[in-house]
């Protein structure tokens, strides 16, 4: 993966140089024809396409072709297009990808100091922490996203569990066991293997501060990793979580698991921006704060951009694309159309419009407030690296399928992360 990323982004620089002198080149007709690419579902696609139509109405000489996608395969598609110099003029990327892509070369347009960008629309620390690389800002947040826990209180009540339970790591085991004993088809946690990784990262943040620090060093010991796996072993031993043999079929899409859809799974770690989609047509859901240990080093609860908009250097229309980016993130007209399609807006204008139009649901507002109250330290660039995340996932998969004991998993997690870090 490292060699692939390096090679394709070097190619991107070469191709970008070819286009550099033609960035203001227009179509033969004198009009500008740009592209915007993003991922999401219909609840995001529909308003985004409507916003692009509105932009054309305001700017008749500019047409923006929308390229909606699903999540599956989006990373590789974006990477390949950046490498080939064919990326959309305005590109939506996941926040962890920014440093990963930017570290390989001059691939995105710098936004700080750009006369078409008003950074005062955003909380400065938020943008500096999540939209910058090497001291410069290369993207803007589409929305503010925080961690939450979604809980079906009707299932809890049926099993005789207090629906107002304050969740701890300990009672997730005891009450999860009680729920499964009440109905053998029910599980407390509707997590898939990838969601278990999120739980693992949060647990490690609370006992060790995080997974990998800003210097590229593993933050926990083998003993601490073993402690974490001993805890999660209880989830499997007490049927708190469904077996990986069942949930792995729905990796990165736990909301499609029939047991989740049909009400056999009670709660899950989630992002506020995706929780309504994940809940779907099920009723009885509320949000609850995630479990945090007493004297936790770091809560591990995340607050970061829903996604980031960037303008690739390969764009022939960099100035126009930056203006489109600004319009999409903090113009009143776009904010009225987009609502919360990408989470609660991060810009002052977007937030004000969403609040005035009632676009922010009571559940989303509550979950965001709870998440921000619990939010811990930002994850390091290394921890958000796709290869580091995959290294964690590999060990968690082996453990979840019963191929590693907690102590074996603890040792392998430290070793595997160190090996991966050494290759970056």
Protein backbone atom coordinates (compact mmCIF):
# COMPACT_ATOMS: atom_id res chain seq x y z
CA UNK A 1 0.00 0.00 0.00
CA UNK A 2 2.84 2.38 0.88
CA UNK A 3 4.56 1.88 -2.49
CA UNK A 4 1.26 2.20 -4.37
CA UNK A 5 0.38 5.45 -2.62
CA UNK A 6 3.84 6.89 -3.20
CA UNK A 7 3.91 5.95 -6.88
CA UNK A 8 0.47 7.18 -7.76
CA UNK A 9 0.94 10.50 -6.01
CA UNK A 10 4.29 11.08 -7.69
CA UNK A 11 2.42 10.53 -10.95
CA UNK A 12 -0.12 13.08 -9.79
CA UNK A 13 2.60 15.70 -9.41
CA UNK A 14 3.83 15.07 -12.93
CA UNK A 15 0.35 15.30 -14.40
CA UNK A 16 -0.42 18.35 -12.27
CA UNK A 17 2.58 20.11 -13.77
CA UNK A 18 1.15 19.58 -17.24
CA UNK A 19 -2.05 21.36 -16.23
CA UNK A 20 -0.40 24.10 -14.16
CA UNK A 21 -0.22 26.62 -16.99
CA UNK A 22 -3.77 25.91 -18.03
CA UNK A 23 -5.63 26.41 -14.79
CA UNK A 24 -7.66 29.33 -16.19
CA UNK A 25 -8.31 27.61 -19.49
CA UNK A 26 -11.98 27.66 -20.41
CA UNK A 27 -14.08 25.40 -22.55
CA UNK A 28 -14.32 26.34 -26.22
CA UNK A 29 -17.69 27.96 -25.61
CA UNK A 30 -16.23 30.29 -22.97
CA UNK A 31 -18.09 28.48 -20.20
CA UNK A 32 -16.48 26.66 -17.28
CA UNK A 33 -17.38 23.02 -16.82
CA UNK A 34 -16.25 21.53 -13.52
CA UNK A 35 -16.83 18.32 -11.59
CA UNK A 36 -17.56 17.63 -7.94
CA UNK A 37 -17.24 14.16 -6.45
CA UNK A 38 -18.50 12.91 -3.08
CA UNK A 39 -19.86 9.82 -1.35
CA UNK A 40 -23.07 9.35 0.59
CA UNK A 41 -26.65 8.18 0.24
CA UNK A 42 -29.73 9.71 -1.31
CA UNK A 43 -30.17 12.04 1.67
CA UNK A 44 -26.84 13.62 0.67
CA UNK A 45 -26.98 13.17 -3.10
CA UNK A 46 -30.33 14.90 -3.63
CA UNK A 47 -29.59 18.20 -1.84
CA UNK A 48 -26.03 18.32 -3.20
CA UNK A 49 -27.24 18.02 -6.79
CA UNK A 50 -29.87 20.68 -6.05
CA UNK A 51 -27.16 22.97 -4.66
CA UNK A 52 -25.07 22.54 -7.80
CA UNK A 53 -28.08 23.44 -9.92
CA UNK A 54 -28.56 26.56 -7.82
CA UNK A 55 -24.89 27.47 -8.27
CA UNK A 56 -25.31 27.28 -12.04
CA UNK A 57 -28.41 29.46 -11.79
CA UNK A 58 -26.39 32.09 -9.91
CA UNK A 59 -23.36 31.65 -12.17
CA UNK A 60 -24.75 30.81 -15.65
CA UNK A 61 -21.30 30.42 -17.24
CA UNK A 62 -20.32 27.74 -14.72
CA UNK A 63 -21.67 24.19 -14.84
CA UNK A 64 -20.73 21.69 -12.15
CA UNK A 65 -21.27 18.04 -12.93
CA UNK A 66 -22.07 16.08 -9.77
CA UNK A 67 -20.48 12.67 -9.28
CA UNK A 68 -22.23 10.94 -6.36
CA UNK A 69 -20.76 7.68 -5.07
CA UNK A 70 -21.26 5.12 -2.33
CA UNK A 71 -18.64 4.59 0.37
CA UNK A 72 -17.35 1.25 -0.92
CA UNK A 73 -14.30 1.79 -3.10
CA UNK A 74 -14.35 5.56 -2.76
CA UNK A 75 -10.87 5.83 -1.20
CA UNK A 76 -9.26 3.88 -4.03
CA UNK A 77 -11.21 5.81 -6.66
CA UNK A 78 -10.14 9.17 -5.22
CA UNK A 79 -6.54 8.00 -4.91
CA UNK A 80 -6.44 6.72 -8.48
CA UNK A 81 -7.96 9.91 -9.90
CA UNK A 82 -5.58 12.15 -7.95
CA UNK A 83 -2.71 10.05 -9.26
CA UNK A 84 -3.87 10.28 -12.85
CA UNK A 85 -4.61 13.99 -12.74
CA UNK A 86 -8.29 13.28 -13.38
CA UNK A 87 -9.73 14.09 -9.95
CA UNK A 88 -12.86 16.22 -9.72
CA UNK A 89 -12.29 19.96 -9.34
CA UNK A 90 -13.98 19.84 -5.92
CA UNK A 91 -13.40 16.63 -4.04
CA UNK A 92 -14.89 15.34 -0.79
CA UNK A 93 -12.44 13.25 1.22
CA UNK A 94 -12.48 11.64 4.62
CA UNK A 95 -10.58 13.62 7.22
CA UNK A 96 -7.86 10.99 7.88
CA UNK A 97 -6.91 10.97 4.20
CA UNK A 98 -5.80 14.61 4.12
CA UNK A 99 -2.38 14.13 5.73
CA UNK A 100 -1.94 10.76 4.06
CA UNK A 101 -2.36 12.28 0.59
CA UNK A 102 -0.68 15.63 1.32
CA UNK A 103 2.41 13.97 2.75
CA UNK A 104 3.28 12.59 -0.70
CA UNK A 105 3.52 15.88 -2.55
CA UNK A 106 1.91 19.17 -3.55
CA UNK A 107 -1.47 17.70 -4.52
CA UNK A 108 -4.03 20.13 -3.03
CA UNK A 109 -4.57 23.89 -3.39
CA UNK A 110 -3.52 25.82 -0.27
CA UNK A 111 -6.45 27.71 1.26
CA UNK A 112 -4.90 29.83 4.00
CA UNK A 113 -4.17 33.24 2.51
CA UNK A 114 -6.48 32.57 -0.44
CA UNK A 115 -8.57 35.72 -1.11
CA UNK A 116 -11.62 33.61 -1.94
CA UNK A 117 -11.68 31.86 1.45
CA UNK A 118 -13.01 33.35 4.70
CA UNK A 119 -11.46 31.30 7.48
CA UNK A 120 -13.20 33.41 10.13
CA UNK A 121 -16.30 31.32 9.33
CA UNK A 122 -14.72 28.43 11.26
CA UNK A 123 -13.40 27.78 14.73
CA UNK A 124 -9.67 28.21 14.16
CA UNK A 125 -8.42 25.34 16.33
CA UNK A 126 -10.86 22.92 14.69
CA UNK A 127 -9.59 23.80 11.20
CA UNK A 128 -5.93 23.80 12.27
CA UNK A 129 -6.26 20.40 13.95
CA UNK A 130 -8.15 18.65 11.19
CA UNK A 131 -7.79 20.50 7.88
CA UNK A 132 -4.11 21.36 7.79
CA UNK A 133 -0.81 19.73 6.96
CA UNK A 134 2.64 21.09 7.78
CA UNK A 135 1.19 24.37 8.97
CA UNK A 136 -1.00 25.11 5.95
CA UNK A 137 -4.74 24.61 5.41
CA UNK A 138 -5.69 22.50 2.42
CA UNK A 139 -9.37 21.81 3.04
CA UNK A 140 -12.51 23.01 4.80
CA UNK A 141 -14.86 20.95 6.98
CA UNK A 142 -18.22 20.05 5.52
CA UNK A 143 -19.72 19.65 8.99
CA UNK A 144 -18.96 18.85 12.61
CA UNK A 145 -19.14 15.20 13.51
CA UNK A 146 -18.90 13.65 16.95
CA UNK A 147 -19.12 10.18 18.44
CA UNK A 148 -22.30 9.03 20.08
CA UNK A 149 -23.97 5.81 21.19
CA UNK A 150 -27.38 4.96 19.77
CA UNK A 151 -29.57 2.81 22.05
CA UNK A 152 -32.93 1.10 21.49
CA UNK A 153 -34.63 1.75 24.83
CA UNK A 154 -37.64 -0.43 23.94
CA UNK A 155 -35.36 -3.47 23.94
CA UNK A 156 -33.90 -2.49 27.30
CA UNK A 157 -37.34 -2.01 28.83
CA UNK A 158 -38.50 -5.38 27.53
CA UNK A 159 -35.56 -7.06 29.25
CA UNK A 160 -36.14 -5.18 32.51
CA UNK A 161 -33.14 -2.88 32.09
CA UNK A 162 -33.38 0.78 33.09
CA UNK A 163 -33.63 2.74 29.80
CA UNK A 164 -31.86 5.67 31.47
CA UNK A 165 -28.81 3.57 32.31
CA UNK A 166 -25.54 5.47 32.42
CA UNK A 167 -23.26 3.18 30.48
CA UNK A 168 -19.93 2.00 31.83
CA UNK A 169 -17.49 -0.57 30.50
CA UNK A 170 -18.52 -2.87 33.36
CA UNK A 171 -22.30 -2.73 32.96
CA UNK A 172 -22.04 -3.21 29.21
CA UNK A 173 -20.96 -6.75 30.12
CA UNK A 174 -23.46 -7.43 32.90
CA UNK A 175 -26.45 -5.85 31.17
CA UNK A 176 -25.47 -7.26 27.81
CA UNK A 177 -25.49 -10.72 29.36
CA UNK A 178 -28.91 -10.04 30.89
CA UNK A 179 -30.33 -8.89 27.55
CA UNK A 180 -29.12 -12.03 25.77
CA UNK A 181 -30.47 -14.27 28.53
CA UNK A 182 -33.86 -12.60 28.18
CA UNK A 183 -33.88 -13.31 24.44
CA UNK A 184 -31.17 -15.57 22.98
CA UNK A 185 -31.56 -13.81 19.62
CA UNK A 186 -30.74 -10.43 21.11
CA UNK A 187 -27.32 -8.82 21.53
CA UNK A 188 -26.48 -5.61 23.31
CA UNK A 189 -23.87 -4.40 20.85
CA UNK A 190 -24.69 -4.50 17.15
CA UNK A 191 -21.05 -3.98 16.21
CA UNK A 192 -19.20 -5.39 13.22
CA UNK A 193 -15.43 -6.04 13.31
CA UNK A 194 -14.65 -2.50 12.14
CA UNK A 195 -16.85 -0.99 14.86
CA UNK A 196 -15.07 -3.14 17.44
CA UNK A 197 -11.88 -1.41 16.33
CA UNK A 198 -13.44 1.94 17.22
CA UNK A 199 -14.32 0.58 20.67
CA UNK A 200 -10.75 -0.73 21.02
CA UNK A 201 -9.27 2.66 20.07
CA UNK A 202 -11.47 4.39 22.65
CA UNK A 203 -10.55 1.87 25.35
CA UNK A 204 -6.83 2.32 24.61
CA UNK A 205 -7.21 6.11 24.67
CA UNK A 206 -8.67 5.89 28.15
CA UNK A 207 -5.94 3.66 29.61
CA UNK A 208 -2.94 4.89 27.60
CA UNK A 209 -3.89 8.16 25.90
CA UNK A 210 -4.22 6.74 22.40
CA UNK A 211 -2.85 4.19 19.93
CA UNK A 212 0.00 6.01 18.13
CA UNK A 213 1.34 9.45 19.05
CA UNK A 214 2.43 12.35 16.86
CA UNK A 215 6.00 11.03 16.82
CA UNK A 216 4.94 7.72 15.34
CA UNK A 217 5.33 5.75 18.59
CA UNK A 218 2.92 3.16 19.97
CA UNK A 219 1.40 4.68 23.10
CA UNK A 220 0.52 1.54 25.03
CA UNK A 221 2.37 -1.45 26.40
CA UNK A 222 1.82 -5.10 25.61
CA UNK A 223 0.30 -5.49 29.09
CA UNK A 224 -2.18 -2.68 28.43
CA UNK A 225 -3.14 -4.16 25.06
CA UNK A 226 -3.66 -7.52 26.74
CA UNK A 227 -5.87 -5.83 29.35
CA UNK A 228 -8.02 -4.40 26.57
CA UNK A 229 -8.39 -7.74 24.82
CA UNK A 230 -9.22 -9.45 28.13
CA UNK A 231 -12.03 -6.95 28.51
CA UNK A 232 -13.37 -7.51 25.00
CA UNK A 233 -13.12 -11.27 25.45
CA UNK A 234 -15.96 -10.81 27.95
CA UNK A 235 -18.13 -9.42 25.16
CA UNK A 236 -17.80 -12.66 23.25
CA UNK A 237 -17.94 -14.98 26.28
CA UNK A 238 -21.13 -13.34 27.58
CA UNK A 239 -22.83 -12.87 24.20
CA UNK A 240 -22.76 -9.10 24.51
CA UNK A 241 -21.80 -9.00 20.85
CA UNK A 242 -22.79 -11.30 18.01
CA UNK A 243 -20.03 -13.59 16.69
CA UNK A 244 -17.72 -12.20 14.01
CA UNK A 245 -18.77 -15.08 11.77
CA UNK A 246 -22.16 -13.35 11.60
CA UNK A 247 -21.25 -9.66 11.72
CA UNK A 248 -18.18 -9.73 9.46
CA UNK A 249 -20.48 -10.11 6.47
CA UNK A 250 -21.50 -6.50 7.09
CA UNK A 251 -18.07 -4.93 7.53
CA UNK A 252 -18.38 -1.10 7.33
CA UNK A 253 -22.15 -1.40 6.93
CA UNK A 254 -23.48 -2.80 10.19
CA UNK A 255 -26.79 -1.05 9.59
CA UNK A 256 -27.48 -3.53 6.76
CA UNK A 257 -27.24 -6.56 9.04
CA UNK A 258 -30.73 -8.15 9.11
CA UNK A 259 -30.38 -8.70 12.87
CA UNK A 260 -29.82 -4.97 13.29
CA UNK A 261 -32.63 -4.02 10.90
CA UNK A 262 -35.05 -6.45 12.56
CA UNK A 263 -34.38 -5.24 16.09
CA UNK A 264 -32.16 -7.98 17.50
CA UNK A 265 -29.25 -5.66 18.31
CA UNK A 266 -29.65 -2.93 20.88
CA UNK A 267 -26.89 -0.35 20.62
CA UNK A 268 -23.85 0.75 18.69
CA UNK A 269 -20.98 3.22 18.67
CA UNK A 270 -21.72 5.72 15.90
CA UNK A 271 -21.14 9.11 14.32
CA UNK A 272 -23.86 11.74 14.64
CA UNK A 273 -23.71 12.41 10.89
CA UNK A 274 -24.63 8.82 10.04
CA UNK A 275 -26.79 7.75 12.98
CA UNK A 276 -30.16 8.55 11.36
CA UNK A 277 -29.21 6.43 8.34
CA UNK A 278 -27.99 3.67 10.65
CA UNK A 279 -31.18 3.74 12.73
CA UNK A 280 -33.29 3.61 9.58
CA UNK A 281 -36.95 2.85 10.19
CA UNK A 282 -36.42 1.44 13.69
CA UNK A 283 -38.20 3.29 16.48
CA UNK A 284 -37.30 3.69 20.13
CA UNK A 285 -33.76 4.96 19.65
CA UNK A 286 -32.14 7.59 21.84
CA UNK A 287 -28.55 8.73 22.13
CA UNK A 288 -26.40 8.14 25.18
CA UNK A 289 -22.90 9.18 26.16
CA UNK A 290 -20.16 6.63 25.64
CA UNK A 291 -18.55 4.87 28.61
CA UNK A 292 -15.54 6.68 30.10
CA UNK A 293 -13.40 5.19 32.87
CA UNK A 294 -12.71 7.04 36.10
CA UNK A 295 -9.35 8.81 35.77
CA UNK A 296 -9.23 8.15 32.03
CA UNK A 297 -6.07 9.53 30.41
CA UNK A 298 -8.14 10.64 27.41
CA UNK A 299 -11.84 9.99 26.78
CA UNK A 300 -11.14 8.78 23.24
CA UNK A 301 -14.44 10.36 22.14
CA UNK A 302 -13.86 12.04 18.79
CA UNK A 303 -15.07 15.37 17.42
CA UNK A 304 -13.85 16.12 13.92
CA UNK A 305 -15.08 17.15 10.45
CA UNK A 306 -17.77 15.00 8.89
CA UNK A 307 -15.71 15.18 5.71
CA UNK A 308 -13.35 17.69 4.09
CA UNK A 309 -13.61 19.51 0.77
CA UNK A 310 -10.34 19.91 -1.14
CA UNK A 311 -9.37 21.29 -4.54
CA UNK A 312 -6.79 19.10 -6.33
CA UNK A 313 -3.86 20.89 -7.94
CA UNK A 314 -4.66 19.06 -11.20
CA UNK A 315 -7.84 21.13 -11.61
CA UNK A 316 -7.80 23.40 -14.67
CA UNK A 317 -10.12 25.72 -12.78
CA UNK A 318 -8.51 26.15 -9.39
CA UNK A 319 -9.85 29.67 -8.72
CA UNK A 320 -13.38 28.73 -9.73
CA UNK A 321 -13.20 25.50 -7.72
CA UNK A 322 -12.09 27.37 -4.60
CA UNK A 323 -15.01 29.78 -5.02
CA UNK A 324 -17.36 26.80 -5.33
CA UNK A 325 -15.84 25.28 -2.20
CA UNK A 326 -16.48 28.53 -0.30
CA UNK A 327 -20.07 28.70 -1.57
CA UNK A 328 -20.77 25.09 -0.61
CA UNK A 329 -19.48 25.53 2.94
CA UNK A 330 -20.69 28.94 4.11
CA UNK A 331 -23.12 30.62 1.71
CA UNK A 332 -26.66 31.20 2.99
CA UNK A 333 -28.32 29.84 -0.16
CA UNK A 334 -26.29 26.65 -0.22
CA UNK A 335 -26.78 26.19 3.53
CA UNK A 336 -30.55 26.38 3.10
CA UNK A 337 -30.42 23.66 0.43
CA UNK A 338 -27.87 21.34 2.03
CA UNK A 339 -29.19 21.48 5.59
CA UNK A 340 -27.51 18.69 7.55
CA UNK A 341 -26.70 16.47 4.58
CA UNK A 342 -23.12 16.36 5.83
CA UNK A 343 -23.80 16.70 9.52
CA UNK A 344 -24.24 19.83 11.58
CA UNK A 345 -22.54 22.63 9.59
CA UNK A 346 -19.14 23.78 10.85
CA UNK A 347 -19.33 27.30 9.42
CA UNK A 348 -20.99 30.12 11.32
CA UNK A 349 -23.33 30.87 8.43
CA UNK A 350 -24.21 27.23 7.81
CA UNK A 351 -24.95 26.63 11.47
CA UNK A 352 -27.08 29.76 11.78
CA UNK A 353 -29.16 28.80 8.74
CA UNK A 354 -29.60 25.20 9.91
CA UNK A 355 -30.75 26.37 13.33
CA UNK A 356 -33.15 28.96 11.91
CA UNK A 357 -34.76 26.50 9.50
CA UNK A 358 -35.06 23.70 12.04
CA UNK A 359 -32.81 21.42 9.97
CA UNK A 360 -31.01 20.14 13.05
CA UNK A 361 -33.11 17.46 14.71
CA UNK A 362 -33.48 17.38 18.46
CA UNK A 363 -31.72 14.00 18.53
CA UNK A 364 -28.76 15.29 16.50
CA UNK A 365 -28.45 18.43 18.62
CA UNK A 366 -28.52 16.37 21.81
CA UNK A 367 -25.98 13.86 20.54
CA UNK A 368 -23.65 16.60 19.34
CA UNK A 369 -23.85 18.42 22.65
CA UNK A 370 -23.15 15.20 24.55
CA UNK A 371 -20.29 14.27 22.24
CA UNK A 372 -18.63 17.67 22.46
CA UNK A 373 -18.90 17.54 26.25
CA UNK A 374 -17.04 14.22 26.26
CA UNK A 375 -14.62 14.93 23.42
CA UNK A 376 -11.02 14.01 24.06
CA UNK A 377 -7.75 14.67 22.29
CA UNK A 378 -7.51 14.62 18.52
CA UNK A 379 -6.00 11.44 17.12
CA UNK A 380 -2.53 11.75 15.66
CA UNK A 381 -1.92 11.74 11.91
CA UNK A 382 -0.22 8.37 12.36
CA UNK A 383 -3.22 6.84 14.13
CA UNK A 384 -5.51 7.97 11.32
CA UNK A 385 -3.25 6.51 8.64
CA UNK A 386 -5.07 3.84 6.64
CA UNK A 387 -2.22 1.33 7.03
CA UNK A 388 -2.21 1.78 10.81
CA UNK A 389 -5.98 1.32 10.94
CA UNK A 390 -5.67 -1.83 8.84
CA UNK A 391 -2.89 -3.14 11.11
CA UNK A 392 -5.22 -2.78 14.09
CA UNK A 393 -8.09 -4.33 12.18
CA UNK A 394 -6.00 -7.36 11.19
CA UNK A 395 -5.25 -8.22 14.82
CA UNK A 396 -8.81 -7.53 15.96
CA UNK A 397 -10.14 -9.81 13.23
CA UNK A 398 -7.88 -12.66 14.32
CA UNK A 399 -8.88 -12.14 17.94
CA UNK A 400 -12.58 -11.86 17.13
CA UNK A 401 -12.53 -15.10 15.16
CA UNK A 402 -10.90 -16.87 18.12
CA UNK A 403 -7.48 -17.34 16.54
CA UNK A 404 -5.65 -15.35 19.24
CA UNK A 405 -5.90 -15.32 23.02
CA UNK A 406 -5.95 -11.90 24.73
CA UNK A 407 -2.25 -12.14 25.57
CA UNK A 408 -1.36 -13.24 22.05
CA UNK A 409 -3.47 -10.44 20.60
CA UNK A 410 -1.84 -7.90 22.94
CA UNK A 411 1.64 -8.89 21.82
CA UNK A 412 0.71 -9.07 18.15
CA UNK A 413 -0.99 -5.67 18.26
CA UNK A 414 2.16 -3.97 19.55
CA UNK A 415 4.42 -5.87 17.14
CA UNK A 416 2.18 -5.34 14.14
CA UNK A 417 1.84 -1.62 14.77
CA UNK A 418 5.59 -1.20 15.21
CA UNK A 419 6.26 -3.08 11.97
CA UNK A 420 3.73 -0.94 10.12
CA UNK A 421 5.09 2.30 11.56
CA UNK A 422 8.59 1.33 10.49
CA UNK A 423 7.37 0.98 6.90
CA UNK A 424 5.68 4.38 6.68
